[in-house]
Each structure stands twice: as C-alpha cells, then as structure tokens.
Amino acid sequence: MARPKMETERKAQILDALERIVLRDGLAKLTLAKVAEEAGLPRSLLRYFAGNKIDLVLLLFDRMIERGEAKLEQLEHVDQGSLSAAQLVDLVLDELLGDEDLSLMVDELWPYAALDDRIQERLRGLYQRLCQELSGHMAADGIGLSDQDRERRAYGIVSMGFGATFFADIGFLPSDPQAVRKAAHQLLLSDGPD
C-alpha cells in the first residue's frame, strides 16, 4: 500500500496529465497509455493509483467540482455588505462560468455525470449553493418580492450563464457579447412575476 502523501502526489501527477490531455485532445481520444506517457509513469502505476478509464474520468470530475467549489467558497466569503447582487452576478459570470479551461473540462466531462450518482449530487449541491449565494445577495439588496422570487431569478441567472458557456463551446455566440450579462442584470431589475 502506498504512503498517503505519495498516493496524493501520484494522483495529482496523473490528474495534471489527464487534464492536459483533455484540454488538448478531448476525452474521445483518451487512452490509459496516453495518460501514463503524459504523466511519465508506467501504465501499471497509473492503474494502481487511478484505476481504469472511467475511474480516471470520475477522479477528474471530482477535481473540476472541487475547483468550482473553491471558487464558490471565495464568493461566499465576500462580506454581504461589500458586494452588491449585480457585482456578484458579474463575478459568477466571469470567474465561475467564464473560466474557459473549467468550462471546456465540464463540457467534456458532462456526459459522464450520468454514470455516478455521487457526481450528480455534488454538481447539484454546487449549483444550489451558487443560487443560494445569489439569492442572499439579492435579499440584502432588497431585490425580489419573496425568497421564492429571488430563487427563481438566481436559477435563471445561473442557467443562462451555464447555457451560454456550452453554446460558446460550439461557436453559437450572441451578436452582442454582453447579452447574457445584460439579461442577468435585467433579472435583477425586473419587478417580478407577471
């Protein structure tokens, strides 16, 4: 059995290599041999520390979720009084949903989410926390008619940002590069449900 520190270092080495391959070539061409070569490890060590291809993909998914959670943690630690809901929307669109590498990785990994209930639960939790953070800032700014109204708006903002990220990956871009930001800010300013 490997020492815990060595296991952590090897997994990081493998995941760094895997991430480079996915960003460069995508998941479709991924093989264990490519990951082992990129990591500078024998394939047997790769399998020992990370398992098979699906295990690798799930480990990489965990890493991407952790990266997203870390960015969300940074947003949650911003003093409620020092950041308006509009400023938080901009941060979410720029820092979380606008991270090109994270976006590309999530795009490549998304089809694999159906393979693991734990991944689905973590993703749901991440997006729920993001919506709660937005709702809390809206409440602090007096935006919305009720908690339900703020939750609806936050869900709409996150959905728009997430959708725009996927659309950008396939080259489907709005004529106005600020379209999503403007629509998100409009959700903050609207009077609520008709």
C-alpha atoms as a PDB file:
ATOM      1  CA  MET A   1       0.000   0.000   0.000  1.00  0.00           C
ATOM      2  CA  ALA A   2       1.354   3.425  -0.936  1.00  0.00           C
ATOM      3  CA  ARG A   3       2.012   6.056   1.691  1.00  0.00           C
ATOM      4  CA  PRO A   4      -0.813   8.634   1.814  1.00  0.00           C
ATOM      5  CA  LYS A   5       1.451  11.520   0.749  1.00  0.00           C
ATOM      6  CA  MET A   6       2.846   9.538  -2.182  1.00  0.00           C
ATOM      7  CA  GLU A   7      -0.651   8.470  -3.224  1.00  0.00           C
ATOM      8  CA  THR A   8      -1.838  12.087  -3.173  1.00  0.00           C
ATOM      9  CA  GLU A   9       1.200  13.220  -5.173  1.00  0.00           C
ATOM     10  CA  ARG A  10       0.815  10.450  -7.749  1.00  0.00           C
ATOM     11  CA  LYS A  11      -2.896  11.122  -8.188  1.00  0.00           C
ATOM     12  CA  ALA A  12      -2.155  14.827  -8.664  1.00  0.00           C
ATOM     13  CA  GLN A  13       0.543  13.965 -11.216  1.00  0.00           C
ATOM     14  CA  ILE A  14      -1.894  11.699 -13.062  1.00  0.00           C
ATOM     15  CA  LEU A  15      -4.737  14.217 -12.930  1.00  0.00           C
ATOM     16  CA  ASP A  16      -2.482  17.026 -14.153  1.00  0.00           C
ATOM     17  CA  ALA A  17      -1.531  14.854 -17.123  1.00  0.00           C
ATOM     18  CA  LEU A  18      -5.142  13.844 -17.708  1.00  0.00           C
ATOM     19  CA  GLU A  19      -6.279  17.454 -17.608  1.00  0.00           C
ATOM     20  CA  ARG A  20      -3.642  18.476 -20.170  1.00  0.00           C
ATOM     21  CA  ILE A  21      -4.748  15.672 -22.492  1.00  0.00           C
ATOM     22  CA  VAL A  22      -8.450  16.516 -22.184  1.00  0.00           C
ATOM     23  CA  LEU A  23      -7.822  20.223 -22.792  1.00  0.00           C
ATOM     24  CA  ARG A  24      -5.602  19.441 -25.772  1.00  0.00           C
ATOM     25  CA  ASP A  25      -7.331  16.418 -27.372  1.00  0.00           C
ATOM     26  CA  GLY A  26     -10.689  15.899 -25.647  1.00  0.00           C
ATOM     27  CA  LEU A  27     -11.940  12.758 -23.922  1.00  0.00           C
ATOM     28  CA  ALA A  28     -12.836  10.894 -27.108  1.00  0.00           C
ATOM     29  CA  LYS A  29      -9.172  10.080 -27.824  1.00  0.00           C
ATOM     30  CA  LEU A  30      -8.209   9.359 -24.226  1.00  0.00           C
ATOM     31  CA  THR A  31      -6.342   6.130 -23.508  1.00  0.00           C
ATOM     32  CA  LEU A  32      -4.579   4.920 -20.393  1.00  0.00           C
ATOM     33  CA  ALA A  33      -1.374   4.667 -22.399  1.00  0.00           C
ATOM     34  CA  LYS A  34      -1.569   8.373 -23.305  1.00  0.00           C
ATOM     35  CA  VAL A  35      -2.163   9.353 -19.691  1.00  0.00           C
ATOM     36  CA  ALA A  36       0.700   7.178 -18.461  1.00  0.00           C
ATOM     37  CA  GLU A  37       3.033   8.657 -21.074  1.00  0.00           C
ATOM     38  CA  GLU A  38       1.951  12.237 -20.315  1.00  0.00           C
ATOM     39  CA  ALA A  39       2.373  11.623 -16.573  1.00  0.00           C
ATOM     40  CA  GLY A  40       5.758   9.953 -17.066  1.00  0.00           C
ATOM     41  CA  LEU A  41       4.611   6.818 -15.239  1.00  0.00           C
ATOM     42  CA  PRO A  42       4.345   3.166 -16.163  1.00  0.00           C
ATOM     43  CA  ARG A  43       0.811   2.157 -17.049  1.00  0.00           C
ATOM     44  CA  SER A  44       0.780  -0.286 -14.117  1.00  0.00           C
ATOM     45  CA  LEU A  45       1.324   2.605 -11.658  1.00  0.00           C
ATOM     46  CA  LEU A  46      -1.388   4.608 -13.377  1.00  0.00           C
ATOM     47  CA  ARG A  47      -3.840   1.747 -12.926  1.00  0.00           C
ATOM     48  CA  TYR A  48      -2.700   1.230  -9.298  1.00  0.00           C
ATOM     49  CA  PHE A  49      -3.213   4.878  -8.304  1.00  0.00           C
ATOM     50  CA  ALA A  50      -6.136   5.841 -10.530  1.00  0.00           C
ATOM     51  CA  GLY A  51      -7.826   2.710 -11.902  1.00  0.00           C
ATOM     52  CA  ASN A  52      -9.377   2.330 -15.333  1.00  0.00           C
ATOM     53  CA  LYS A  53     -10.549   4.987 -17.798  1.00  0.00           C
ATOM     54  CA  ILE A  54     -13.923   5.512 -16.092  1.00  0.00           C
ATOM     55  CA  ASP A  55     -12.199   5.797 -12.700  1.00  0.00           C
ATOM     56  CA  LEU A  56      -9.883   8.436 -14.201  1.00  0.00           C
ATOM     57  CA  VAL A  57     -12.803  10.385 -15.619  1.00  0.00           C
ATOM     58  CA  LEU A  58     -14.588  10.324 -12.257  1.00  0.00           C
ATOM     59  CA  LEU A  59     -11.415  11.485 -10.477  1.00  0.00           C
ATOM     60  CA  LEU A  60     -11.109  14.328 -12.962  1.00  0.00           C
ATOM     61  CA  PHE A  61     -14.771  15.203 -12.450  1.00  0.00           C
ATOM     62  CA  ASP A  62     -14.111  15.356  -8.698  1.00  0.00           C
ATOM     63  CA  ARG A  63     -11.204  17.703  -9.351  1.00  0.00           C
ATOM     64  CA  MET A  64     -13.344  20.022 -11.508  1.00  0.00           C
ATOM     65  CA  ILE A  65     -16.104  20.076  -8.914  1.00  0.00           C
ATOM     66  CA  GLU A  66     -13.551  20.877  -6.206  1.00  0.00           C
ATOM     67  CA  ARG A  67     -12.235  23.709  -8.369  1.00  0.00           C
ATOM     68  CA  GLY A  68     -15.764  25.074  -8.816  1.00  0.00           C
ATOM     69  CA  GLU A  69     -16.468  24.675  -5.091  1.00  0.00           C
ATOM     70  CA  ALA A  70     -13.270  26.571  -4.250  1.00  0.00           C
ATOM     71  CA  LYS A  71     -14.346  29.448  -6.492  1.00  0.00           C
ATOM     72  CA  LEU A  72     -17.765  29.421  -4.846  1.00  0.00           C
ATOM     73  CA  GLU A  73     -16.124  29.427  -1.396  1.00  0.00           C
ATOM     74  CA  GLN A  74     -14.300  32.611  -2.403  1.00  0.00           C
ATOM     75  CA  LEU A  75     -17.617  34.188  -3.384  1.00  0.00           C
ATOM     76  CA  GLU A  76     -19.263  33.078  -0.124  1.00  0.00           C
ATOM     77  CA  HIS A  77     -16.517  34.685   1.948  1.00  0.00           C
ATOM     78  CA  VAL A  78     -17.085  38.101   0.420  1.00  0.00           C
ATOM     79  CA  ASP A  79     -18.821  40.267   3.002  1.00  0.00           C
ATOM     80  CA  GLN A  80     -22.516  40.537   2.110  1.00  0.00           C
ATOM     81  CA  GLY A  81     -22.383  44.300   2.605  1.00  0.00           C
ATOM     82  CA  SER A  82     -19.348  44.857   0.405  1.00  0.00           C
ATOM     83  CA  LEU A  83     -20.696  43.272  -2.775  1.00  0.00           C
ATOM     84  CA  SER A  84     -23.986  44.037  -4.469  1.00  0.00           C
ATOM     85  CA  ALA A  85     -26.077  41.378  -6.181  1.00  0.00           C
ATOM     86  CA  ALA A  86     -25.143  42.909  -9.552  1.00  0.00           C
ATOM     87  CA  GLN A  87     -21.429  42.698  -8.713  1.00  0.00           C
ATOM     88  CA  LEU A  88     -21.871  39.084  -7.606  1.00  0.00           C
ATOM     89  CA  VAL A  89     -23.610  38.273 -10.908  1.00  0.00           C
ATOM     90  CA  ASP A  90     -20.619  39.708 -12.750  1.00  0.00           C
ATOM     91  CA  LEU A  91     -18.231  37.616 -10.621  1.00  0.00           C
ATOM     92  CA  VAL A  92     -20.251  34.459 -11.220  1.00  0.00           C
ATOM     93  CA  LEU A  93     -20.331  35.062 -14.977  1.00  0.00           C
ATOM     94  CA  ASP A  94     -16.643  35.985 -15.145  1.00  0.00           C
ATOM     95  CA  GLU A  95     -14.917  33.853 -12.514  1.00  0.00           C
ATOM     96  CA  LEU A  96     -17.000  30.708 -12.241  1.00  0.00           C
ATOM     97  CA  LEU A  97     -18.861  30.297 -15.511  1.00  0.00           C
ATOM     98  CA  GLY A  98     -16.341  32.308 -17.527  1.00  0.00           C
ATOM     99  CA  ASP A  99     -13.304  30.145 -16.686  1.00  0.00           C
ATOM    100  CA  GLU A 100     -12.507  28.784 -20.162  1.00  0.00           C
ATOM    101  CA  ASP A 101     -10.489  25.764 -19.022  1.00  0.00           C
ATOM    102  CA  LEU A 102     -13.048  24.809 -16.384  1.00  0.00           C
ATOM    103  CA  SER A 103     -15.804  25.276 -18.955  1.00  0.00           C
ATOM    104  CA  LEU A 104     -14.073  23.093 -21.520  1.00  0.00           C
ATOM    105  CA  MET A 105     -13.411  20.386 -18.939  1.00  0.00           C
ATOM    106  CA  VAL A 106     -17.022  20.384 -17.732  1.00  0.00           C
ATOM    107  CA  ASP A 107     -18.192  20.220 -21.354  1.00  0.00           C
ATOM    108  CA  GLU A 108     -16.005  17.160 -21.965  1.00  0.00           C
ATOM    109  CA  LEU A 109     -16.970  15.517 -18.680  1.00  0.00           C
ATOM    110  CA  TRP A 110     -20.696  16.283 -18.606  1.00  0.00           C
ATOM    111  CA  PRO A 111     -21.815  13.087 -20.429  1.00  0.00           C
ATOM    112  CA  TYR A 112     -20.076  11.036 -17.740  1.00  0.00           C
ATOM    113  CA  ALA A 113     -22.127  12.625 -14.938  1.00  0.00           C
ATOM    114  CA  ALA A 114     -24.885  10.124 -15.654  1.00  0.00           C
ATOM    115  CA  LEU A 115     -22.519   7.322 -14.591  1.00  0.00           C
ATOM    116  CA  ASP A 116     -22.180   8.341 -10.968  1.00  0.00           C
ATOM    117  CA  ASP A 117     -24.910   9.432  -8.524  1.00  0.00           C
ATOM    118  CA  ARG A 118     -22.273  10.949  -6.247  1.00  0.00           C
ATOM    119  CA  ILE A 119     -21.095  13.263  -9.045  1.00  0.00           C
ATOM    120  CA  GLN A 120     -24.680  14.271  -9.813  1.00  0.00           C
ATOM    121  CA  GLU A 121     -25.282  15.040  -6.142  1.00  0.00           C
ATOM    122  CA  ARG A 122     -22.124  17.155  -5.891  1.00  0.00           C
ATOM    123  CA  LEU A 123     -22.965  19.068  -9.060  1.00  0.00           C
ATOM    124  CA  ARG A 124     -26.496  19.708  -7.813  1.00  0.00           C
ATOM    125  CA  GLY A 125     -25.097  20.894  -4.484  1.00  0.00           C
ATOM    126  CA  LEU A 126     -22.630  23.233  -6.202  1.00  0.00           C
ATOM    127  CA  TYR A 127     -25.305  24.887  -8.335  1.00  0.00           C
ATOM    128  CA  GLN A 128     -27.760  25.047  -5.410  1.00  0.00           C
ATOM    129  CA  ARG A 129     -25.128  26.822  -3.288  1.00  0.00           C
ATOM    130  CA  LEU A 130     -24.478  29.247  -6.134  1.00  0.00           C
ATOM    131  CA  CYS A 131     -28.188  30.022  -6.401  1.00  0.00           C
ATOM    132  CA  GLN A 132     -28.433  30.456  -2.624  1.00  0.00           C
ATOM    133  CA  GLU A 133     -25.492  32.863  -2.637  1.00  0.00           C
ATOM    134  CA  LEU A 134     -27.099  34.937  -5.386  1.00  0.00           C
ATOM    135  CA  SER A 135     -30.459  34.863  -3.584  1.00  0.00           C
ATOM    136  CA  GLY A 136     -28.824  36.021  -0.353  1.00  0.00           C
ATOM    137  CA  HIS A 137     -27.193  38.991  -2.080  1.00  0.00           C
ATOM    138  CA  MET A 138     -30.498  39.851  -3.744  1.00  0.00           C
ATOM    139  CA  ALA A 139     -32.237  39.794  -0.362  1.00  0.00           C
ATOM    140  CA  ALA A 140     -29.533  42.065   1.100  1.00  0.00           C
ATOM    141  CA  ASP A 141     -30.080  44.499  -1.811  1.00  0.00           C
ATOM    142  CA  GLY A 142     -33.872  44.411  -1.454  1.00  0.00           C
ATOM    143  CA  ILE A 143     -34.309  42.688  -4.813  1.00  0.00           C
ATOM    144  CA  GLY A 144     -37.297  40.436  -5.350  1.00  0.00           C
ATOM    145  CA  LEU A 145     -40.753  40.075  -3.903  1.00  0.00           C
ATOM    146  CA  SER A 146     -40.049  36.945  -1.850  1.00  0.00           C
ATOM    147  CA  ASP A 147     -37.488  34.213  -1.246  1.00  0.00           C
ATOM    148  CA  GLN A 148     -39.192  32.176  -3.975  1.00  0.00           C
ATOM    149  CA  ASP A 149     -38.914  35.086  -6.420  1.00  0.00           C
ATOM    150  CA  ARG A 150     -35.204  35.525  -5.620  1.00  0.00           C
ATOM    151  CA  GLU A 151     -34.586  31.778  -6.011  1.00  0.00           C
ATOM    152  CA  ARG A 152     -36.312  31.861  -9.414  1.00  0.00           C
ATOM    153  CA  ARG A 153     -34.165  34.790 -10.529  1.00  0.00           C
ATOM    154  CA  ALA A 154     -30.955  33.157  -9.256  1.00  0.00           C
ATOM    155  CA  TYR A 155     -31.811  29.917 -11.045  1.00  0.00           C
ATOM    156  CA  GLY A 156     -32.440  31.868 -14.252  1.00  0.00           C
ATOM    157  CA  ILE A 157     -29.118  33.713 -13.981  1.00  0.00           C
ATOM    158  CA  VAL A 158     -27.134  30.534 -13.317  1.00  0.00           C
ATOM    159  CA  SER A 159     -28.969  28.691 -16.116  1.00  0.00           C
ATOM    160  CA  MET A 160     -28.285  31.475 -18.595  1.00  0.00           C
ATOM    161  CA  GLY A 161     -24.615  31.645 -17.685  1.00  0.00           C
ATOM    162  CA  PHE A 162     -24.205  27.887 -17.795  1.00  0.00           C
ATOM    163  CA  GLY A 163     -26.059  27.605 -21.107  1.00  0.00           C
ATOM    164  CA  ALA A 164     -24.042  30.425 -22.653  1.00  0.00           C
ATOM    165  CA  THR A 165     -20.853  28.627 -21.645  1.00  0.00           C
ATOM    166  CA  PHE A 166     -21.944  25.487 -23.508  1.00  0.00           C
ATOM    167  CA  PHE A 167     -23.124  27.479 -26.514  1.00  0.00           C
ATOM    168  CA  ALA A 168     -19.766  29.252 -26.703  1.00  0.00           C
ATOM    169  CA  ASP A 169     -18.019  25.863 -26.821  1.00  0.00           C
ATOM    170  CA  ILE A 170     -19.847  25.063 -30.067  1.00  0.00           C
ATOM    171  CA  GLY A 171     -19.407  28.545 -31.521  1.00  0.00           C
ATOM    172  CA  PHE A 172     -23.006  29.666 -31.013  1.00  0.00           C
ATOM    173  CA  LEU A 173     -22.412  33.227 -29.855  1.00  0.00           C
ATOM    174  CA  PRO A 174     -24.804  36.162 -29.499  1.00  0.00           C
ATOM    175  CA  SER A 175     -24.353  39.200 -31.731  1.00  0.00           C
ATOM    176  CA  ASP A 176     -23.833  41.231 -28.546  1.00  0.00           C
ATOM    177  CA  PRO A 177     -21.038  39.715 -26.385  1.00  0.00           C
ATOM    178  CA  GLN A 178     -22.667  41.231 -23.292  1.00  0.00           C
ATOM    179  CA  ALA A 179     -26.101  39.669 -23.995  1.00  0.00           C
ATOM    180  CA  VAL A 180     -26.050  37.195 -21.100  1.00  0.00           C
ATOM    181  CA  ARG A 181     -24.712  39.785 -18.652  1.00  0.00           C
ATOM    182  CA  LYS A 182     -27.416  42.267 -19.709  1.00  0.00           C
ATOM    183  CA  ALA A 183     -30.140  39.618 -19.410  1.00  0.00           C
ATOM    184  CA  ALA A 184     -28.837  38.560 -15.981  1.00  0.00           C
ATOM    185  CA  HIS A 185     -28.852  42.159 -14.762  1.00  0.00           C
ATOM    186  CA  GLN A 186     -32.364  42.565 -16.186  1.00  0.00           C
ATOM    187  CA  LEU A 187     -33.488  39.677 -13.995  1.00  0.00           C
ATOM    188  CA  LEU A 188     -32.179  41.639 -11.008  1.00  0.00           C
ATOM    189  CA  LEU A 189     -34.072  44.764 -12.025  1.00  0.00           C
ATOM    190  CA  SER A 190     -37.418  43.277 -13.084  1.00  0.00           C
ATOM    191  CA  ASP A 191     -40.443  43.736 -10.877  1.00  0.00           C
ATOM    192  CA  GLY A 192     -41.009  40.031 -10.503  1.00  0.00           C
ATOM    193  CA  PRO A 193     -43.550  37.588 -11.873  1.00  0.00           C
ATOM    194  CA  ASP A 194     -46.193  38.982 -14.202  1.00  0.00           C
END
